[in-house]
Amino acid sequence: MLAQRKVAIVGGCGHVGLPLGVSLANAGAKVTLLDINPKAIEMVRDGRFPFLEKDGDRHLAQALENGLSVTSEPQALRPCDTVIFVVGTPVDEHLNPKISDLLDTVKEYSPHLSSDTLVLMRSTLYPGTMDYLRMYLKEQSLDFELAFCPERVAQGFALEEIHDLPQIVSAFTDSAFEKAASLFGTIAPSLVRLTPMEAEMAKLMTNSWRYVEFAVANQFYMMAEKTGIDFYRVFEAIRYNYPRARGFKAPGFAAGPCLFKDTMQLSSFFDHQFNLGHAAMLVNEGLASFVVQMAENRLAGGLHGKTVGLLGMAFKANNDDTRESLSFRVKKLLAFKGAQVKCHDPYLDDSHHINDVLGCDCVILTTPHSEYRNLAIEQPLIDVWGFFRKVELEVISKAPDLELARSK
């Protein structure tokens, strides 16, 4: 029974750990969140999510009533039968994965774990990391059971999707699988069993696929705009009552902490022969430069000495997370061209007033927050997202009567 499970989450006050901890606590487990961020710890203890999460505070309040605890003390791991590590494998400056962060974290906390502890990894891992971790622990005479259950929810909707989406569960032994499966089986609608290597690949392939999809849309957008074609008229025409184009992505900045990173990890795994992934990187990262060039073209005489307003600094709409946001790349490129940049984001405290941004010589919609929907923008506007566009297609519902047409 889950009520008998004592679970600790290392990195428990972050975007991945906190929604999971709240969900498990509200399902009956005794959950301890371990984190080193004092501000996040204080907010969680006060019943507040440190970031935007749908209905987060309400669910957190319930979890605290159910015994959810928050600490920075590693000793709190000792009574736990399951310790979940929210530590992934980032990429370095050469776009190669770094597994040292994960190994260092496990090594740091391993003295506080018992030999029969289930060590469960949650964040994205480079393929083969679980095998490497198993050998590393064996060399250290640490006999923990290992499982990898990758997080696969949309940021801001994690509490909802944890309960709605199937959970991939992988482990090296049947015993470890059963322990992990019994944990997630109480909150996920179904479980899919894979080997650890398969689970690592599944997470990277999912995010790389999305990254490539966005790159296709962004490439088409740049091709159309550069040749004077109205992209969004073509886009709407392609999708109009045409089922095979239903999944055609719209253009926009493909950013955030996962898509680019995971695509580069998959490329590294394939000896940097993932040509499609590298091409997607060049397109998606290059969209920022393309937008700056558009602004330069709109403002006769160039950007030097001009003011440019950016609407939205978070990496995606209706969110407060700025990690790896391409809005900051646009800002830097504009400044390099000599422009004065003013930024607004309704979810960030350090924003310029919205009127100051709208009064700039040119305005760029960098993040399509819902709060911007009814803005009246009089200055030259660059809207890659098509957020403010209302495309009117000429659609003829049935073929004209050719005989009648000829008789007139």
Foldseek 3Di string as FASTA:
>chain_A
DQLPAEEEEEQQLDQFNVLLQLLSLLLRHQYEYAYDDVVSQVQLVVQHRPWAAVCRSVSSVVSVVSHYYYDNDLLVCQVGQEYEYADEWFADPVLETDCVVVVVVCVVNVVSYDLAHEYEYEEAYQQCSVVVSCVVCVVVVRRYWYKYWYDDDDGNHRNPVLQEDEIEIEGDDPVSRVVVCVSSVSRYPHYDYDHPNVVNVVQLVVLQVVLLLQLVQLVQLLVQVVVVHDSVQVLCVCCPVDVVCVVRDAYAQDWDDPNLRSLSSVCVVVVVPPVSSVSSVCRNLCSLVVVQVVVQVQDPPGAAPFEEEEEDQPQEAPTQHNPGRCVVVNVVVSVVRHHHYAYDYPNDDPHDPPVVNLPTQEYEYRYDYPVCQPDDRDHHYHYSRCSPPDDDDDDDPDDDDPVVVVVD
